[in-house]
Amino acid sequence: MTPPLRMLSGARLLLALLLLVTAPLAASANETAGAGDVVGPYLLVDAKSGDVLEEHDALRPWYPASTTKLMTAFVVFRALEVGEITLKSPVVMSQHAYNQPYAARFFKPGSVLTVDNALKVMLARSSNDMAMAIAESVGDGYDNFLLRMNLEAKRLGMTRTQFINPHGLYNPHQVTCARDLAILTRAIFDEFPRYRHYFNVPAIKVGGAVKRNTNLLIGRYRGATGMKTGYICDSGWNLVATAQRGRRELIAVVLGADNAIDRAERAARLLDAGFNRGGGLFSGGPDITRINSGSRYTEAYDMRDQVCSPQKGKQVASKSNPIYKPMKGGLIMVDEGDGFKPSHIGQRKGPVTPIVVATGGVEGPGVDDLAQEILSAQLGVMPRPRPTIAIPPRPQLATAFAPSEEASKAAPVDPVLLLAAPALMPRPRPDR
């Protein structure tokens, strides 16, 4: 369903205003610039109570990388809950989505999957092309989808987060923090518990190939319940991990690890410490909304030199620079300067049972228009207008969303217009 021009214009206007209102305040360069290796932020939270058990720089701005896809999924869940789409609604792989950098490319342009299968591919394999295809296919188009992501972040109190794209590829203005990712994870648990299984898919099978989940804790760590990985050179290796033992469930957020094993080990150690600490009246710390460590930082730290530098070379094992060795049978060993020992990640628990994903199976509203959408996708002309900015954002946003001269002269918009923003959120489709 193509929204009226007035609706699209309003969506873009509100997106511009929202980015202006919610963006972290600009300041000078990071205080740690020029220092040695930085310890990335981390956070351990009780999923039910919101009590913080461990944390370091939890409010420090950081590039989210593919942990962005937690919010991409959240927006889809909202559309599902209000009946705007169903799990069998179509997601079309456009040429534009297919061409995203570091794309999985399991499905060619013109392929049509159900929302159900698209979510499994995006979350299990962190597929950038599928995240873009979802944003283009769900709701009222790409611009509106991004608006929804930022509106949801604002509603949840993710005050140090803003989204510029749905997959997490590098953009200097796409930032988050460990606290905000934990807030989002708790919101998924509270608001959409019926969709939690999408974050715990052990592997998918596409054609004849089996692709394991990028989260190493799934199928290894005792009680692991899933969530999401992320990696770009600028962010380092990120992980939001959840685990449950008995009636307790914990959320660990690790940002800026050195590699895929390192992020899993750091998360596993946090989770172990939390479970060993036990529950009860005096086991918790401050509420997640009351912490402020890392708030003095105003810009995301760039991990590129620390993680992706070709000069990094071989390092000596130490507590700050552990060396990992995967063993036959799935065990992962770690050396922190005192010899190799079993990691906290755990050993792989038997053979994996993949979930088969394929094209087809779509039903419901939107199917009648598929022929035109598929043709457009194959030709690479899926409509994707860039936002028209009516209010100039802060200076460092100008390169990403440059307003036209005419738009810059537009009359200021009263911030109370944000109160109308829910009108642009998912709406039930009319019966056909």
Foldseek 3Di string as FASTA:
>chain_A
DADDPVLQQVLLALLQVLLQQQAFDDDDAFPCPPHPDDFFWKWKAFLPQQFTQDIALQFAKFQPFQLLLLLLVVQVLLLCVQAQFHQQAKQFQFQVLCPDPPAPPLDDGLFIFGNVLLLLCCQQVVGSSSQQSSCQRPANGNSLSQSQSSLVLVVLPQRHAHDDHRRRPDDQRGIGGNLSSSSSVSCCCVPPVVPLQSFQFQWEARPNDIGGGLQLLRQFAAFWSGRHWGDDLFWATWDWTWGDDDHIIMIMTGIRAQDSVRNLLVRLVSVVVLVVLPDDDPSGHDRSVPDCRSVVHRGHGGNNCVHPNPPPDDDAAAQVRKDWDADPQAWIWIGHPPDTDTGSSGGRDDDHDHHYTDGDSHDDPPPVVSVVVSVCRNVNNSDDDDRAHLDDHPPVCCVVHPHDPVSNPDDDDDPCCVVVVVVSRHHNDDDD
